[in-house]
Amino acid sequence: MVKQIPRILTTPSIEKKFSKELINWYLKNKRELPWRETEDPYPIWLSEIILQQTRVQQGLPYYFSFLKHFPTVRHLAKATEKEVLSLWQGLGYYSRARNLHKTAQLVVSDYAGSFPDNYAGLLHLKGVGPYTAAAIASFAFKEQVAVVDGNVYRVLTRVFGIYEDITLNTTKKTIAELAQTLIPKSSPDIYNQAIMEFGAMHCTPADPNCDSCPFARICVAKITGDQKVLPVKAKSKAKQERFFSYFMVRCGETVLMKERGSSDIWQGLFEFLLIETKKKTSFSEVLKLAPMISEKSIQFEYGPYKHILSHQILHANFYAVVVNKKKFDAIKKQYSLEEINISEITSTPKPVLISKYLKAHKF
């Protein structure tokens, strides 16, 4: 049942005070991050794509690596998809990397190498939704358009007492309208950085720092003690469990791998021969599903490895298989695999699950 709490009624005075207090907090407490020191839309866009579903500390090395390899959007557009995916390894959500590459090519081919300079134009780019478009438009071009992400949802629902489920479109619309009302015309870039930073560093999900909050006197969550209640979000479905058996088939200094196809979360990434089952399956049963692999050819077994994705839990076992050239070629043909030299595995784009296995066993 929705809790009935009177919301703060926004007035021009409250709106101005909110944005002023927020910006003051930010200027005193902000983290020094490289993309905040530029108005160039390319590194700003790059940082926003990398930081989707990624913590700042994890994303920072990738940001520097991409700028080192591709200092401009034209350099990125000229790269191959394999080069982009290889640099992206470890970040997950690989559709972001593919969209990053396609957008760079689009900016060069259709926009003469310059990003659209407004929110509406930015929305036409691949992988750029309302949040990313608002971020680039405000940070690079000072457009008065509010960003709305998880941090913004948390801050605004707590301060202004919005108890509706934030997964509902009606609630999203309410929060987006409120966010747009609050953003000042004079410094939309600083305000947007401020509200996201405030949510990330101060008004945190589990342990918000309410005692030193500039909004403590008016914050509905602080007044009611509902910091852990807000924002209200419907419970997500249980994660799907999947069971993988990987066979690293090797002959000399060459192994067999296969590129994942289209319409796949790992599209463009390479993996070993894979047998997937719907439930945990015995080794003997797995071998029946891979008749060309004999138990005698398996030298080592590693696992199980557990890898958690946003909607899935993967359980994997790895089997190191050594065969002669004739068997190697037969397996390659049967399963439509490709030959990869051991020395090239590191630079070959692959899922994190396989990277962890290879790193653990010093490949």
Protein backbone atom coordinates (compact mmCIF):
# COMPACT_ATOMS: atom_id res chain seq x y z
CA MET A 1 0.00 0.00 0.00
CA VAL A 2 1.31 3.45 -0.91
CA LYS A 3 2.17 5.46 2.17
CA GLN A 4 0.33 8.76 2.27
CA ILE A 5 2.85 11.44 3.19
CA PRO A 6 2.38 15.07 2.18
CA ARG A 7 5.02 15.98 -0.35
CA ILE A 8 6.99 19.18 -0.24
CA LEU A 9 5.25 21.66 -2.49
CA THR A 10 7.84 23.16 -4.78
CA THR A 11 7.86 26.91 -5.12
CA PRO A 12 10.33 29.15 -6.97
CA SER A 13 11.92 29.90 -3.60
CA ILE A 14 12.34 26.23 -2.66
CA GLU A 15 13.58 25.34 -6.15
CA LYS A 16 16.23 28.07 -6.03
CA LYS A 17 17.30 27.11 -2.51
CA PHE A 18 17.50 23.42 -3.39
CA SER A 19 19.74 23.99 -6.41
CA LYS A 20 21.88 26.53 -4.53
CA GLU A 21 22.45 24.24 -1.53
CA LEU A 22 23.16 21.31 -3.80
CA ILE A 23 25.75 23.20 -5.85
CA ASN A 24 27.40 24.56 -2.70
CA TRP A 25 27.72 21.02 -1.35
CA TYR A 26 29.18 19.83 -4.65
CA LEU A 27 31.81 22.54 -4.90
CA LYS A 28 33.06 21.61 -1.43
CA ASN A 29 32.89 17.82 -1.74
CA LYS A 30 33.19 16.80 -5.40
CA ARG A 31 35.65 14.19 -6.63
CA GLU A 32 38.23 15.35 -9.13
CA LEU A 33 37.42 13.35 -12.26
CA PRO A 34 38.99 13.95 -15.68
CA TRP A 35 35.77 14.23 -17.69
CA ARG A 36 34.68 17.07 -15.42
CA GLU A 37 37.61 19.17 -16.60
CA THR A 38 36.50 19.40 -20.23
CA GLU A 39 33.62 20.60 -22.38
CA ASP A 40 34.64 18.38 -25.29
CA PRO A 41 31.63 16.12 -25.98
CA TYR A 42 33.80 13.17 -27.09
CA PRO A 43 35.45 12.34 -23.72
CA ILE A 44 32.22 13.28 -21.92
CA TRP A 45 30.25 10.85 -24.08
CA LEU A 46 32.95 8.21 -23.64
CA SER A 47 32.84 8.52 -19.85
CA GLU A 48 29.05 8.34 -19.75
CA ILE A 49 28.93 5.14 -21.82
CA ILE A 50 31.69 3.50 -19.76
CA LEU A 51 30.04 4.46 -16.46
CA GLN A 52 26.66 2.95 -17.33
CA GLN A 53 26.25 0.05 -14.87
CA THR A 54 29.87 0.60 -13.78
CA ARG A 55 31.45 2.14 -10.67
CA VAL A 56 33.76 5.12 -11.19
CA GLN A 57 36.86 3.36 -9.84
CA GLN A 58 36.29 0.40 -12.12
CA GLY A 59 35.57 2.56 -15.16
CA LEU A 60 38.42 5.05 -14.75
CA PRO A 61 41.21 2.80 -16.18
CA TYR A 62 39.01 1.98 -19.18
CA TYR A 63 38.38 5.67 -19.79
CA PHE A 64 42.11 6.41 -19.91
CA SER A 65 42.79 3.32 -22.03
CA PHE A 66 40.18 4.29 -24.64
CA LEU A 67 41.48 7.86 -24.85
CA LYS A 68 45.03 6.57 -25.22
CA HIS A 69 44.12 4.22 -28.07
CA PHE A 70 41.44 6.47 -29.62
CA PRO A 71 42.18 10.13 -28.73
CA THR A 72 39.40 11.44 -31.00
CA VAL A 73 36.08 10.16 -32.30
CA ARG A 74 37.68 9.72 -35.72
CA HIS A 75 40.29 7.34 -34.29
CA LEU A 76 37.52 5.32 -32.64
CA ALA A 77 35.50 5.23 -35.85
CA LYS A 78 38.48 3.79 -37.77
CA ALA A 79 39.02 0.97 -35.25
CA THR A 80 37.74 -2.54 -35.82
CA GLU A 81 34.98 -3.94 -33.64
CA LYS A 82 37.43 -6.56 -32.39
CA GLU A 83 39.82 -3.83 -31.18
CA VAL A 84 37.00 -2.06 -29.35
CA LEU A 85 35.68 -5.23 -27.73
CA SER A 86 39.19 -6.23 -26.69
CA LEU A 87 39.68 -2.92 -24.82
CA TRP A 88 36.22 -3.30 -23.29
CA GLN A 89 36.95 -6.71 -21.75
CA GLY A 90 35.93 -6.88 -18.12
CA LEU A 91 33.25 -4.16 -18.20
CA GLY A 92 30.36 -6.40 -19.26
CA TYR A 93 27.21 -5.27 -21.08
CA TYR A 94 29.07 -5.55 -24.37
CA SER A 95 26.27 -3.96 -26.36
CA ARG A 96 27.60 -0.68 -24.93
CA ALA A 97 30.93 -1.25 -26.67
CA ARG A 98 29.28 -2.13 -29.98
CA ASN A 99 27.04 0.94 -29.77
CA LEU A 100 30.06 3.05 -28.85
CA HIS A 101 31.80 1.95 -32.04
CA LYS A 102 28.71 2.42 -34.23
CA THR A 103 28.06 5.88 -32.80
CA ALA A 104 31.63 6.99 -33.48
CA GLN A 105 31.24 5.88 -37.10
CA LEU A 106 27.89 7.69 -37.33
CA VAL A 107 29.29 10.93 -35.90
CA VAL A 108 32.09 10.84 -38.47
CA SER A 109 29.95 9.84 -41.47
CA ASP A 110 26.78 11.86 -40.80
CA TYR A 111 27.95 14.74 -38.59
CA ALA A 112 31.39 15.49 -40.03
CA GLY A 113 33.08 14.33 -36.83
CA SER A 114 31.20 16.70 -34.51
CA PHE A 115 28.60 15.59 -32.00
CA PRO A 116 25.11 17.13 -32.19
CA ASP A 117 25.12 20.16 -29.90
CA ASN A 118 21.69 19.71 -28.33
CA TYR A 119 19.62 17.15 -26.42
CA ALA A 120 17.21 16.35 -29.27
CA GLY A 121 20.03 15.76 -31.75
CA LEU A 122 22.02 13.58 -29.35
CA LEU A 123 19.06 11.23 -28.95
CA HIS A 124 19.55 10.14 -32.58
CA LEU A 125 22.87 8.51 -31.72
CA LYS A 126 23.10 4.76 -31.14
CA GLY A 127 23.12 3.82 -27.47
CA VAL A 128 22.35 7.37 -26.32
CA GLY A 129 19.14 7.52 -24.31
CA PRO A 130 17.51 10.40 -22.38
CA TYR A 131 19.98 10.26 -19.48
CA THR A 132 23.15 10.20 -21.60
CA ALA A 133 21.80 12.84 -23.98
CA ALA A 134 20.96 15.11 -21.04
CA ALA A 135 24.41 14.60 -19.53
CA ILE A 136 26.27 15.46 -22.74
CA ALA A 137 23.94 18.35 -23.61
CA SER A 138 24.36 19.97 -20.20
CA PHE A 139 28.06 19.21 -19.59
CA ALA A 140 29.33 20.07 -23.07
CA PHE A 141 26.78 22.61 -24.31
CA LYS A 142 25.23 24.05 -21.12
CA GLU A 143 21.70 23.09 -22.18
CA GLN A 144 19.13 23.30 -19.39
CA VAL A 145 18.01 19.68 -19.40
CA ALA A 146 17.99 17.53 -16.26
CA VAL A 147 19.69 14.16 -15.93
CA VAL A 148 17.66 11.43 -14.26
CA ASP A 149 19.48 8.30 -13.11
CA GLY A 150 19.38 6.05 -10.06
CA ASN A 151 21.12 8.65 -7.90
CA VAL A 152 18.64 11.34 -8.92
CA TYR A 153 15.68 9.03 -8.23
CA ARG A 154 17.02 8.38 -4.74
CA VAL A 155 17.68 12.03 -3.86
CA LEU A 156 14.38 13.39 -5.17
CA THR A 157 12.14 10.63 -3.80
CA ARG A 158 13.70 11.01 -0.35
CA VAL A 159 13.79 14.79 -0.16
CA PHE A 160 10.37 15.40 -1.73
CA GLY A 161 8.58 12.31 -0.38
CA ILE A 162 7.65 10.43 -3.54
CA TYR A 163 6.35 7.04 -2.39
CA GLU A 164 5.16 5.67 -5.74
CA ASP A 165 7.01 2.75 -7.32
CA ILE A 166 9.88 4.17 -9.40
CA THR A 167 9.60 1.32 -11.91
CA LEU A 168 6.23 2.71 -13.05
CA ASN A 169 6.18 5.04 -16.05
CA THR A 170 3.88 7.46 -14.23
CA THR A 171 6.39 7.80 -11.40
CA LYS A 172 9.29 8.19 -13.82
CA LYS A 173 7.39 11.01 -15.51
CA THR A 174 6.69 12.69 -12.15
CA ILE A 175 10.37 12.58 -11.17
CA ALA A 176 11.55 13.73 -14.60
CA GLU A 177 9.21 16.74 -14.44
CA LEU A 178 10.38 17.58 -10.91
CA ALA A 179 14.03 17.26 -11.96
CA GLN A 180 13.47 19.60 -14.88
CA THR A 181 11.73 22.11 -12.61
CA LEU A 182 14.69 22.17 -10.22
CA ILE A 183 17.57 22.59 -12.69
CA PRO A 184 18.79 26.20 -12.84
CA LYS A 185 19.21 27.98 -16.16
CA SER A 186 22.50 29.60 -15.17
CA SER A 187 24.55 26.47 -14.39
CA PRO A 188 22.80 23.30 -15.57
CA ASP A 189 26.10 21.48 -16.01
CA ILE A 190 27.23 22.01 -12.42
CA TYR A 191 23.77 21.22 -11.04
CA ASN A 192 23.55 17.92 -12.92
CA GLN A 193 27.01 16.90 -11.74
CA ALA A 194 26.03 17.96 -8.22
CA ILE A 195 22.84 15.93 -7.88
CA MET A 196 24.49 12.77 -9.23
CA GLU A 197 27.51 13.23 -6.97
CA PHE A 198 25.27 13.91 -3.98
CA GLY A 199 23.41 10.66 -4.58
CA ALA A 200 26.61 8.70 -5.13
CA MET A 201 28.60 10.09 -2.19
CA HIS A 202 26.18 11.48 0.40
CA CYS A 203 22.57 10.28 -0.07
CA THR A 204 23.71 6.69 -0.56
CA PRO A 205 21.39 3.67 -0.77
CA ALA A 206 22.28 1.87 2.47
CA ASP A 207 23.83 4.48 4.76
CA PRO A 208 22.94 8.09 3.84
CA ASN A 209 24.77 10.78 5.79
CA CYS A 210 21.62 12.45 7.08
CA ASP A 211 23.17 14.21 10.07
CA SER A 212 25.23 16.54 7.88
CA CYS A 213 22.74 16.79 5.01
CA PRO A 214 21.96 20.32 3.76
CA PHE A 215 18.33 19.22 3.28
CA ALA A 216 17.84 17.56 6.69
CA ARG A 217 15.19 20.08 7.78
CA ILE A 218 12.95 19.54 4.78
CA CYS A 219 13.77 15.96 3.66
CA VAL A 220 10.67 13.78 3.99
CA ALA A 221 12.75 10.60 4.38
CA LYS A 222 14.80 12.16 7.19
CA ILE A 223 11.70 13.48 8.97
CA THR A 224 9.78 10.19 8.72
CA GLY A 225 12.74 7.84 9.11
CA ASP A 226 12.01 6.31 5.72
CA GLN A 227 15.53 6.44 4.29
CA LYS A 228 15.48 2.67 3.74
CA VAL A 229 11.97 2.77 2.29
CA LEU A 230 12.65 5.36 -0.40
CA PRO A 231 12.88 5.03 -3.28
CA VAL A 232 10.10 2.45 -3.54
CA LYS A 233 10.96 -0.18 -6.14
CA ALA A 234 9.12 -3.36 -7.10
CA LYS A 235 11.02 -6.54 -6.31
CA SER A 236 12.88 -7.91 -9.29
CA LYS A 237 12.36 -11.42 -10.61
CA ALA A 238 14.64 -14.22 -9.50
CA LYS A 239 17.75 -14.52 -11.63
CA GLN A 240 17.92 -17.29 -14.21
CA GLU A 241 20.58 -19.91 -13.52
CA ARG A 242 22.58 -21.35 -16.43
CA PHE A 243 25.10 -24.20 -16.45
CA PHE A 244 28.10 -24.13 -18.81
CA SER A 245 30.72 -26.75 -19.62
CA TYR A 246 33.62 -25.27 -21.59
CA PHE A 247 36.13 -27.45 -23.45
CA MET A 248 39.42 -25.72 -24.29
CA VAL A 249 40.51 -27.96 -27.16
CA ARG A 250 44.24 -27.60 -27.81
CA CYS A 251 46.75 -28.93 -30.29
CA GLY A 252 50.29 -27.63 -29.83
CA GLU A 253 50.13 -23.82 -29.48
CA THR A 254 46.65 -23.51 -30.96
CA VAL A 255 43.22 -23.68 -29.32
CA LEU A 256 39.71 -23.71 -30.74
CA MET A 257 37.25 -20.88 -30.06
CA LYS A 258 34.04 -19.57 -31.53
CA GLU A 259 32.65 -16.06 -31.96
CA ARG A 260 29.23 -15.53 -30.39
CA GLY A 261 26.58 -14.61 -32.96
CA SER A 262 24.18 -11.69 -33.28
CA SER A 263 21.31 -11.01 -30.86
CA ASP A 264 23.49 -12.24 -28.01
CA ILE A 265 24.78 -10.37 -24.94
CA TRP A 266 28.26 -11.64 -25.81
CA GLN A 267 28.00 -10.89 -29.53
CA GLY A 268 31.45 -10.56 -31.08
CA LEU A 269 33.21 -12.22 -28.14
CA PHE A 270 35.07 -15.52 -28.42
CA GLU A 271 34.58 -18.60 -26.25
CA PHE A 272 35.66 -22.23 -26.15
CA LEU A 273 33.48 -25.13 -27.23
CA LEU A 274 30.42 -24.78 -25.03
CA ILE A 275 27.88 -27.33 -23.83
CA GLU A 276 25.03 -25.64 -21.94
CA THR A 277 22.49 -27.53 -19.84
CA LYS A 278 19.33 -26.37 -18.09
CA LYS A 279 20.40 -27.81 -14.74
CA LYS A 280 23.51 -29.04 -12.96
CA THR A 281 24.61 -32.09 -14.93
CA SER A 282 27.07 -34.86 -14.19
CA PHE A 283 30.36 -35.02 -16.08
CA SER A 284 29.36 -38.27 -17.80
CA GLU A 285 26.11 -36.74 -19.03
CA VAL A 286 27.91 -33.65 -20.34
CA LEU A 287 30.30 -35.87 -22.31
CA LYS A 288 27.32 -37.56 -23.98
CA LEU A 289 26.39 -34.12 -25.36
CA ALA A 290 29.92 -33.68 -26.77
CA PRO A 291 30.59 -37.10 -28.35
CA MET A 292 33.75 -35.96 -30.14
CA ILE A 293 35.44 -35.25 -26.79
CA SER A 294 36.79 -38.39 -25.15
CA GLU A 295 37.40 -38.58 -21.41
CA LYS A 296 40.99 -39.71 -22.08
CA SER A 297 41.76 -36.45 -23.91
CA ILE A 298 40.80 -34.32 -20.89
CA GLN A 299 43.93 -33.41 -18.95
CA PHE A 300 42.55 -31.02 -16.36
CA GLU A 301 39.19 -29.93 -14.93
CA TYR A 302 38.69 -26.51 -13.35
CA GLY A 303 35.70 -25.15 -11.50
CA PRO A 304 33.04 -24.65 -10.78
CA TYR A 305 33.20 -20.92 -11.48
CA LYS A 306 30.28 -18.70 -10.55
CA HIS A 307 29.62 -15.48 -12.43
CA ILE A 308 26.70 -13.16 -11.58
CA LEU A 309 25.15 -10.94 -14.24
CA SER A 310 22.25 -8.51 -13.85
CA HIS A 311 19.59 -11.12 -14.69
CA GLN A 312 21.51 -14.38 -14.72
CA ILE A 313 23.77 -16.55 -12.59
CA LEU A 314 26.27 -18.58 -14.57
CA HIS A 315 27.88 -21.78 -13.29
CA ALA A 316 30.79 -23.03 -15.38
CA ASN A 317 33.31 -25.82 -15.47
CA PHE A 318 36.34 -25.77 -17.75
CA TYR A 319 38.00 -28.84 -19.26
CA ALA A 320 41.47 -28.66 -20.81
CA VAL A 321 41.47 -31.03 -23.79
CA VAL A 322 44.61 -32.03 -25.71
CA VAL A 323 44.21 -33.88 -29.03
CA ASN A 324 46.24 -34.71 -32.13
CA LYS A 325 45.96 -32.70 -35.35
CA LYS A 326 43.50 -35.06 -37.01
CA LYS A 327 41.10 -34.95 -34.06
CA PHE A 328 41.66 -31.20 -33.69
CA ASP A 329 40.59 -30.58 -37.30
CA ALA A 330 37.58 -32.88 -36.94
CA ILE A 331 36.33 -31.05 -33.82
CA LYS A 332 36.95 -27.71 -35.51
CA LYS A 333 34.80 -28.71 -38.48
CA GLN A 334 32.05 -30.36 -36.44
CA TYR A 335 31.43 -27.35 -34.19
CA SER A 336 32.37 -24.54 -36.64
CA LEU A 337 35.24 -23.32 -34.45
CA GLU A 338 38.21 -21.08 -35.25
CA GLU A 339 41.90 -21.58 -34.55
CA ILE A 340 43.45 -19.09 -32.10
CA ASN A 341 47.13 -19.09 -31.24
CA ILE A 342 47.85 -19.21 -27.51
CA SER A 343 49.84 -15.97 -27.84
CA GLU A 344 46.74 -14.19 -29.21
CA ILE A 345 44.28 -15.24 -26.50
CA THR A 346 44.97 -12.19 -24.32
CA SER A 347 44.05 -9.76 -27.10
CA THR A 348 41.07 -11.81 -28.29
CA PRO A 349 37.80 -10.32 -26.98
CA LYS A 350 36.07 -12.77 -24.66
CA PRO A 351 33.60 -12.85 -21.74
CA VAL A 352 34.86 -12.11 -18.22
CA LEU A 353 34.11 -15.69 -17.22
CA ILE A 354 36.70 -17.00 -19.69
CA SER A 355 39.17 -14.22 -18.87
CA LYS A 356 39.05 -15.23 -15.19
CA TYR A 357 39.76 -18.84 -16.07
CA LEU A 358 42.69 -17.94 -18.34
CA LYS A 359 44.16 -15.53 -15.79
CA ALA A 360 43.90 -18.08 -12.99
CA HIS A 361 45.82 -20.60 -15.05
CA LYS A 362 48.35 -18.13 -16.48
CA PHE A 363 47.49 -18.18 -20.14
